[in-house]
Amino acid sequence: MYGVILWSDQDAQRAVIWCEDHGKLAYFNPHTDAVASVADENPPLGVGDLIKFHVRDWCTVRRASKVELVSAARFPDLAGGLAIAGAEVKQSQTMDLGNVIAFRKSPELSQCATA
């Protein structure tokens, strides 16, 4: 699978990956994933890097392994663009309430209901 690094800890080589299938994010941590590998000659993974990797589900989390750098800093603005798009969707969902009418209990209806 291909993906783009959205967040990374370059010292520990950990990363959060946006996957090409637009499913759940994948997580990469070579210290906890026995089959994970990043070649020593590769620079640390950075935000926006395009990578190729294997993905597997572990409990409820997607784990990346056998990570290969395809292109460094290929999509440097992707994380910011996704954050902006998410905020716009959230705002449009709260603004478009449709045609909602509040129903208030009238005294006549209350009396009828108890009679």
N, C-alpha and C. Protein backbone atom coordinates (compact mmCIF):
# COMPACT_ATOMS: atom_id res chain seq x y z
N MET A 1 0.85 -1.17 0.00
CA MET A 1 0.00 0.00 0.00
C MET A 1 0.90 1.23 0.00
N TYR A 2 0.37 2.33 -0.54
CA TYR A 2 1.07 3.60 -0.49
C TYR A 2 0.40 4.50 0.53
N GLY A 3 1.17 5.42 1.08
CA GLY A 3 0.63 6.35 2.05
C GLY A 3 1.53 7.57 2.18
N VAL A 4 1.04 8.53 2.93
CA VAL A 4 1.77 9.78 3.15
C VAL A 4 1.88 10.00 4.65
N ILE A 5 3.07 10.37 5.10
CA ILE A 5 3.31 10.63 6.52
C ILE A 5 2.60 11.93 6.92
N LEU A 6 1.68 11.83 7.89
CA LEU A 6 0.98 13.01 8.40
C LEU A 6 1.68 13.60 9.62
N TRP A 7 2.32 12.74 10.41
CA TRP A 7 3.04 13.15 11.62
C TRP A 7 4.19 12.18 11.80
N SER A 8 5.31 12.70 12.28
CA SER A 8 6.43 11.79 12.56
C SER A 8 7.27 12.30 13.71
N ASP A 9 7.86 11.34 14.41
CA ASP A 9 8.88 11.60 15.42
C ASP A 9 10.17 11.08 14.78
N GLN A 10 10.94 11.98 14.22
CA GLN A 10 12.10 11.56 13.44
C GLN A 10 13.17 10.87 14.28
N ASP A 11 13.29 11.23 15.54
CA ASP A 11 14.28 10.58 16.40
C ASP A 11 13.94 9.12 16.64
N ALA A 12 12.67 8.85 16.93
CA ALA A 12 12.24 7.48 17.21
C ALA A 12 11.75 6.74 15.97
N GLN A 13 11.67 7.44 14.83
CA GLN A 13 11.19 6.87 13.57
C GLN A 13 9.74 6.40 13.64
N ARG A 14 8.95 7.01 14.52
CA ARG A 14 7.52 6.69 14.59
C ARG A 14 6.77 7.60 13.64
N ALA A 15 5.62 7.13 13.13
CA ALA A 15 4.87 7.94 12.19
C ALA A 15 3.39 7.55 12.17
N VAL A 16 2.57 8.52 11.78
CA VAL A 16 1.15 8.30 11.51
C VAL A 16 1.00 8.46 10.00
N ILE A 17 0.31 7.51 9.37
CA ILE A 17 0.27 7.44 7.91
C ILE A 17 -1.16 7.50 7.40
N TRP A 18 -1.39 8.38 6.42
CA TRP A 18 -2.66 8.45 5.70
C TRP A 18 -2.56 7.45 4.56
N CYS A 19 -3.46 6.49 4.50
CA CYS A 19 -3.36 5.38 3.54
C CYS A 19 -4.12 5.67 2.25
N GLU A 20 -3.62 5.10 1.17
CA GLU A 20 -4.21 5.34 -0.14
C GLU A 20 -5.65 4.84 -0.24
N ASP A 21 -6.05 3.88 0.59
CA ASP A 21 -7.43 3.37 0.54
C ASP A 21 -8.40 4.23 1.33
N HIS A 22 -7.92 5.31 1.92
CA HIS A 22 -8.72 6.26 2.69
C HIS A 22 -9.41 5.60 3.88
N GLY A 23 -8.86 4.49 4.33
CA GLY A 23 -9.39 3.82 5.51
C GLY A 23 -8.80 4.46 6.77
N LYS A 24 -8.74 3.68 7.83
CA LYS A 24 -8.15 4.19 9.08
C LYS A 24 -6.69 4.53 8.86
N LEU A 25 -6.20 5.45 9.68
CA LEU A 25 -4.78 5.79 9.63
C LEU A 25 -3.96 4.58 10.07
N ALA A 26 -2.74 4.50 9.60
CA ALA A 26 -1.82 3.44 10.01
C ALA A 26 -0.73 4.04 10.89
N TYR A 27 -0.22 3.25 11.80
CA TYR A 27 0.83 3.69 12.72
C TYR A 27 2.08 2.86 12.48
N PHE A 28 3.21 3.53 12.54
CA PHE A 28 4.48 2.86 12.33
C PHE A 28 5.40 3.15 13.50
N ASN A 29 5.90 2.09 14.11
CA ASN A 29 6.87 2.19 15.20
C ASN A 29 7.81 0.99 15.09
N PRO A 30 9.01 1.20 14.59
CA PRO A 30 9.91 0.07 14.38
C PRO A 30 10.33 -0.62 15.67
N HIS A 31 10.16 0.03 16.80
CA HIS A 31 10.57 -0.57 18.08
C HIS A 31 9.56 -1.57 18.61
N THR A 32 8.30 -1.47 18.16
CA THR A 32 7.28 -2.40 18.64
C THR A 32 6.79 -3.34 17.56
N ASP A 33 7.16 -3.11 16.34
CA ASP A 33 6.74 -3.96 15.23
C ASP A 33 7.95 -4.75 14.75
N ALA A 34 7.97 -6.03 15.06
CA ALA A 34 9.16 -6.85 14.78
C ALA A 34 9.51 -6.92 13.30
N VAL A 35 8.52 -6.80 12.43
CA VAL A 35 8.82 -6.90 11.00
C VAL A 35 8.99 -5.53 10.35
N ALA A 36 8.90 -4.48 11.15
CA ALA A 36 9.06 -3.13 10.59
C ALA A 36 10.51 -2.91 10.22
N SER A 37 10.70 -2.15 9.16
CA SER A 37 12.08 -1.84 8.79
C SER A 37 12.13 -0.56 8.00
N VAL A 38 13.10 0.24 8.30
CA VAL A 38 13.43 1.40 7.49
C VAL A 38 14.93 1.28 7.25
N ALA A 39 15.31 1.28 6.02
CA ALA A 39 16.74 1.09 5.70
C ALA A 39 17.57 2.16 6.38
N ASP A 40 18.71 1.76 6.92
CA ASP A 40 19.57 2.70 7.63
C ASP A 40 20.04 3.84 6.75
N GLU A 41 20.16 3.60 5.44
CA GLU A 41 20.64 4.66 4.57
C GLU A 41 19.56 5.70 4.26
N ASN A 42 18.30 5.37 4.54
CA ASN A 42 17.22 6.34 4.31
C ASN A 42 17.23 7.41 5.38
N PRO A 43 16.90 8.65 5.02
CA PRO A 43 16.76 9.69 6.04
C PRO A 43 15.54 9.39 6.90
N PRO A 44 15.44 9.99 8.07
CA PRO A 44 14.26 9.78 8.92
C PRO A 44 12.98 10.16 8.17
N LEU A 45 11.90 9.43 8.47
CA LEU A 45 10.62 9.74 7.84
C LEU A 45 10.14 11.11 8.27
N GLY A 46 9.66 11.89 7.32
CA GLY A 46 9.20 13.24 7.62
C GLY A 46 7.79 13.48 7.11
N VAL A 47 7.15 14.49 7.63
CA VAL A 47 5.79 14.85 7.21
C VAL A 47 5.79 15.11 5.71
N GLY A 48 4.82 14.51 5.02
CA GLY A 48 4.69 14.69 3.59
C GLY A 48 5.40 13.65 2.75
N ASP A 49 6.19 12.78 3.38
CA ASP A 49 6.90 11.74 2.63
C ASP A 49 5.90 10.73 2.06
N LEU A 50 6.10 10.35 0.81
CA LEU A 50 5.34 9.28 0.18
C LEU A 50 6.07 7.98 0.45
N ILE A 51 5.36 6.99 1.00
CA ILE A 51 5.99 5.71 1.35
C ILE A 51 5.18 4.55 0.79
N LYS A 52 5.85 3.42 0.69
CA LYS A 52 5.22 2.15 0.34
C LYS A 52 5.39 1.25 1.55
N PHE A 53 4.35 0.51 1.90
CA PHE A 53 4.43 -0.30 3.12
C PHE A 53 3.40 -1.43 3.09
N HIS A 54 3.57 -2.35 3.99
CA HIS A 54 2.59 -3.40 4.23
C HIS A 54 1.74 -2.94 5.41
N VAL A 55 0.47 -3.28 5.37
CA VAL A 55 -0.42 -2.89 6.47
C VAL A 55 -1.11 -4.14 7.01
N ARG A 56 -1.28 -4.15 8.33
CA ARG A 56 -2.01 -5.25 8.97
C ARG A 56 -2.81 -4.67 10.12
N ASP A 57 -3.93 -5.32 10.41
CA ASP A 57 -4.74 -4.89 11.55
C ASP A 57 -4.24 -5.60 12.80
N TRP A 58 -4.06 -4.84 13.84
CA TRP A 58 -3.63 -5.37 15.13
C TRP A 58 -4.59 -4.81 16.16
N CYS A 59 -5.46 -5.67 16.68
CA CYS A 59 -6.59 -5.26 17.53
C CYS A 59 -7.43 -4.28 16.71
N THR A 60 -7.55 -3.05 17.14
CA THR A 60 -8.34 -2.06 16.39
C THR A 60 -7.46 -1.04 15.68
N VAL A 61 -6.16 -1.34 15.58
CA VAL A 61 -5.21 -0.38 15.03
C VAL A 61 -4.57 -0.96 13.77
N ARG A 62 -4.38 -0.12 12.78
CA ARG A 62 -3.64 -0.52 11.59
C ARG A 62 -2.16 -0.26 11.83
N ARG A 63 -1.34 -1.28 11.57
CA ARG A 63 0.10 -1.17 11.78
C ARG A 63 0.80 -1.25 10.43
N ALA A 64 1.78 -0.39 10.23
CA ALA A 64 2.57 -0.40 9.00
C ALA A 64 3.87 -1.16 9.26
N SER A 65 4.31 -1.89 8.25
CA SER A 65 5.59 -2.60 8.34
C SER A 65 6.24 -2.58 6.97
N LYS A 66 7.51 -2.97 6.93
CA LYS A 66 8.28 -3.00 5.68
C LYS A 66 8.14 -1.67 4.93
N VAL A 67 8.39 -0.60 5.64
CA VAL A 67 8.24 0.75 5.09
C VAL A 67 9.40 1.09 4.16
N GLU A 68 9.07 1.60 2.98
CA GLU A 68 10.08 2.05 2.02
C GLU A 68 9.76 3.49 1.62
N LEU A 69 10.73 4.35 1.67
CA LEU A 69 10.56 5.73 1.23
C LEU A 69 10.52 5.76 -0.30
N VAL A 70 9.44 6.32 -0.86
CA VAL A 70 9.29 6.44 -2.31
C VAL A 70 9.76 7.82 -2.75
N SER A 71 9.29 8.86 -2.04
CA SER A 71 9.65 10.23 -2.41
C SER A 71 9.57 11.12 -1.18
N ALA A 72 10.68 11.71 -0.80
CA ALA A 72 10.72 12.58 0.38
C ALA A 72 9.96 13.88 0.11
N ALA A 73 9.20 14.32 1.10
CA ALA A 73 8.46 15.59 1.05
C ALA A 73 7.62 15.74 -0.21
N ARG A 74 7.02 14.65 -0.66
CA ARG A 74 6.21 14.68 -1.89
C ARG A 74 4.92 15.48 -1.69
N PHE A 75 4.30 15.36 -0.51
CA PHE A 75 3.05 16.05 -0.20
C PHE A 75 3.18 16.80 1.13
N PRO A 76 3.99 17.85 1.19
CA PRO A 76 4.26 18.51 2.46
C PRO A 76 3.06 19.22 3.08
N ASP A 77 2.05 19.57 2.27
CA ASP A 77 0.90 20.31 2.78
C ASP A 77 -0.32 19.44 3.02
N LEU A 78 -0.20 18.13 2.88
CA LEU A 78 -1.36 17.25 3.00
C LEU A 78 -1.99 17.30 4.38
N ALA A 79 -1.20 17.21 5.43
CA ALA A 79 -1.75 17.21 6.80
C ALA A 79 -2.53 18.50 7.05
N GLY A 80 -1.98 19.64 6.68
CA GLY A 80 -2.68 20.91 6.87
C GLY A 80 -3.94 20.99 6.03
N GLY A 81 -3.87 20.50 4.79
CA GLY A 81 -5.04 20.50 3.92
C GLY A 81 -6.16 19.64 4.45
N LEU A 82 -5.82 18.47 5.00
CA LEU A 82 -6.85 17.61 5.59
C LEU A 82 -7.47 18.26 6.82
N ALA A 83 -6.67 18.94 7.63
CA ALA A 83 -7.19 19.62 8.82
C ALA A 83 -8.16 20.73 8.42
N ILE A 84 -7.81 21.51 7.39
CA ILE A 84 -8.69 22.58 6.93
C ILE A 84 -9.98 22.01 6.35
N ALA A 85 -9.87 20.97 5.53
CA ALA A 85 -11.05 20.35 4.95
C ALA A 85 -11.96 19.78 6.03
N GLY A 86 -11.38 19.17 7.05
CA GLY A 86 -12.17 18.63 8.16
C GLY A 86 -12.90 19.72 8.92
N ALA A 87 -12.24 20.84 9.13
CA ALA A 87 -12.87 21.96 9.83
C ALA A 87 -14.01 22.54 9.00
N GLU A 88 -13.84 22.62 7.68
CA GLU A 88 -14.89 23.13 6.81
C GLU A 88 -16.11 22.22 6.82
N VAL A 89 -15.89 20.92 6.79
CA VAL A 89 -16.99 19.97 6.83
C VAL A 89 -17.73 20.09 8.16
N LYS A 90 -16.99 20.16 9.25
CA LYS A 90 -17.60 20.28 10.57
C LYS A 90 -18.43 21.55 10.66
N GLN A 91 -17.91 22.66 10.15
CA GLN A 91 -18.62 23.93 10.19
C GLN A 91 -19.89 23.86 9.34
N SER A 92 -19.83 23.27 8.16
CA SER A 92 -21.01 23.20 7.30
C SER A 92 -22.07 22.29 7.91
N GLN A 93 -21.67 21.28 8.65
CA GLN A 93 -22.63 20.38 9.29
C GLN A 93 -23.36 21.10 10.41
N THR A 94 -22.69 21.97 11.14
CA THR A 94 -23.35 22.67 12.24
C THR A 94 -24.18 23.83 11.73
N MET A 95 -23.82 24.41 10.59
CA MET A 95 -24.57 25.55 10.07
C MET A 95 -25.85 25.10 9.36
N ASP A 96 -25.86 23.95 8.72
CA ASP A 96 -27.01 23.49 7.96
C ASP A 96 -27.90 22.63 8.86
N LEU A 97 -28.75 23.29 9.62
CA LEU A 97 -29.64 22.58 10.53
C LEU A 97 -30.96 22.23 9.87
N GLY A 98 -31.16 22.67 8.65
CA GLY A 98 -32.39 22.36 7.95
C GLY A 98 -33.54 23.21 8.46
N ASN A 99 -34.72 22.67 8.35
CA ASN A 99 -35.93 23.39 8.72
C ASN A 99 -36.46 22.81 10.02
N VAL A 100 -35.81 23.12 11.11
CA VAL A 100 -36.17 22.56 12.41
C VAL A 100 -37.10 23.52 13.13
N ILE A 101 -38.23 23.00 13.59
CA ILE A 101 -39.21 23.82 14.33
C ILE A 101 -39.31 23.25 15.73
N ALA A 102 -39.21 24.13 16.71
CA ALA A 102 -39.32 23.70 18.11
C ALA A 102 -40.80 23.58 18.47
N PHE A 103 -41.20 22.44 19.00
CA PHE A 103 -42.57 22.25 19.45
C PHE A 103 -42.63 22.51 20.94
N ARG A 104 -43.50 23.44 21.30
CA ARG A 104 -43.68 23.75 22.72
C ARG A 104 -45.03 23.20 23.18
N LYS A 105 -45.05 22.77 24.38
CA LYS A 105 -46.27 22.24 24.95
C LYS A 105 -47.23 23.40 25.20
N SER A 106 -48.41 23.33 24.61
CA SER A 106 -49.39 24.39 24.86
C SER A 106 -50.28 23.98 26.02
N PRO A 107 -50.82 24.96 26.77
CA PRO A 107 -51.67 24.63 27.92
C PRO A 107 -52.89 23.81 27.52
N GLU A 108 -53.46 24.08 26.33
CA GLU A 108 -54.64 23.32 25.90
C GLU A 108 -54.32 21.84 25.71
N LEU A 109 -53.18 21.57 25.10
CA LEU A 109 -52.79 20.18 24.88
C LEU A 109 -52.47 19.48 26.19
N SER A 110 -51.91 20.20 27.14
CA SER A 110 -51.59 19.60 28.43
C SER A 110 -52.86 19.19 29.15
N GLN A 111 -53.87 20.03 29.08
CA GLN A 111 -55.14 19.73 29.75
C GLN A 111 -55.82 18.55 29.08
N CYS A 112 -55.76 18.48 27.75
CA CYS A 112 -56.39 17.37 27.03
C CYS A 112 -55.70 16.05 27.36
N ALA A 113 -54.42 16.10 27.50
CA ALA A 113 -53.67 14.88 27.76
C ALA A 113 -53.96 14.34 29.15
N THR A 114 -54.28 15.21 30.11
CA THR A 114 -54.52 14.75 31.47
C THR A 114 -55.98 14.47 31.73
N ALA A 115 -56.87 14.85 30.83
CA ALA A 115 -58.32 14.67 31.05
C ALA A 115 -58.75 13.26 30.79
